[in-house]
Amino acid sequence: MPEQIRSDGKREQAVANRTRIDITEENESRDWAERFGISEQRLREVVARVGPAADDIERELAREP
């Protein structure tokens, strides 16, 4: 899987290749929120409801009006 080096020097896998969202990581939370077109706060709410699996979050967001 491709890796990126974040501005803080840590290595991480590219967001597109991740299956679980770690909302405790600011960069990851921001990137996923942007990918889904929602705020970071909204992402935290959905993760609290359905868990950190990106597929589950995507399905939940698709169900909402």
Protein backbone atom coordinates (compact mmCIF):
# COMPACT_ATOMS: atom_id res chain seq x y z
CA MET A 1 0.00 0.00 0.00
CA PRO A 2 1.27 3.47 -0.72
CA GLU A 3 2.38 5.56 2.21
CA GLN A 4 2.50 9.27 2.71
CA ILE A 5 4.64 11.26 5.09
CA ARG A 6 2.52 13.71 7.03
CA SER A 7 3.72 17.17 7.93
CA ASP A 8 4.46 15.94 11.47
CA GLY A 9 6.87 13.36 10.01
CA LYS A 10 4.75 10.28 10.74
CA ARG A 11 4.15 7.72 8.04
CA GLU A 12 0.61 6.74 7.23
CA GLN A 13 -1.16 4.79 4.58
CA ALA A 14 -3.02 6.85 2.02
CA VAL A 15 -6.60 7.54 3.08
CA ALA A 16 -7.99 5.88 -0.03
CA ASN A 17 -6.47 2.58 1.08
CA ARG A 18 -7.66 2.65 4.67
CA THR A 19 -10.69 0.74 5.88
CA ARG A 20 -10.93 2.07 9.45
CA ILE A 21 -11.03 5.67 10.55
CA ASP A 22 -9.06 6.76 13.61
CA ILE A 23 -10.80 9.95 14.69
CA THR A 24 -8.15 10.56 17.35
CA GLU A 25 -5.66 11.38 14.58
CA GLU A 26 -6.34 14.98 13.52
CA ASN A 27 -4.94 14.63 9.99
CA GLU A 28 -6.82 11.40 9.36
CA SER A 29 -10.08 12.81 10.72
CA ARG A 30 -9.73 15.90 8.55
CA ASP A 31 -8.92 13.88 5.42
CA TRP A 32 -11.85 11.49 5.87
CA ALA A 33 -14.28 14.33 6.63
CA GLU A 34 -13.17 16.04 3.44
CA ARG A 35 -13.51 12.80 1.47
CA PHE A 36 -17.09 12.33 2.72
CA GLY A 37 -17.95 16.02 2.30
CA ILE A 38 -18.88 16.50 5.96
CA SER A 39 -17.46 18.32 8.97
CA GLU A 40 -15.09 16.63 11.38
CA GLN A 41 -17.74 16.97 14.09
CA ARG A 42 -20.28 15.19 11.88
CA LEU A 43 -17.72 12.44 11.20
CA ARG A 44 -17.22 11.94 14.95
CA GLU A 45 -20.99 11.66 15.43
CA VAL A 46 -21.34 9.03 12.70
CA VAL A 47 -18.32 7.06 13.97
CA ALA A 48 -19.85 7.08 17.46
CA ARG A 49 -23.08 5.66 16.03
CA VAL A 50 -21.83 3.04 13.52
CA GLY A 51 -18.17 2.47 14.38
CA PRO A 52 -14.90 3.27 12.57
CA ALA A 53 -15.30 1.11 9.45
CA ALA A 54 -15.20 3.43 6.42
CA ASP A 55 -17.71 1.31 4.49
CA ASP A 56 -20.22 1.47 7.35
CA ILE A 57 -19.82 5.23 7.59
CA GLU A 58 -20.27 5.64 3.86
CA ARG A 59 -23.46 3.53 3.95
CA GLU A 60 -24.82 5.51 6.90
CA LEU A 61 -24.18 8.83 5.17
CA ALA A 62 -25.88 7.56 1.99
CA ARG A 63 -28.99 6.66 4.01
CA GLU A 64 -29.35 10.15 5.45
CA PRO A 65 -31.48 12.74 3.66
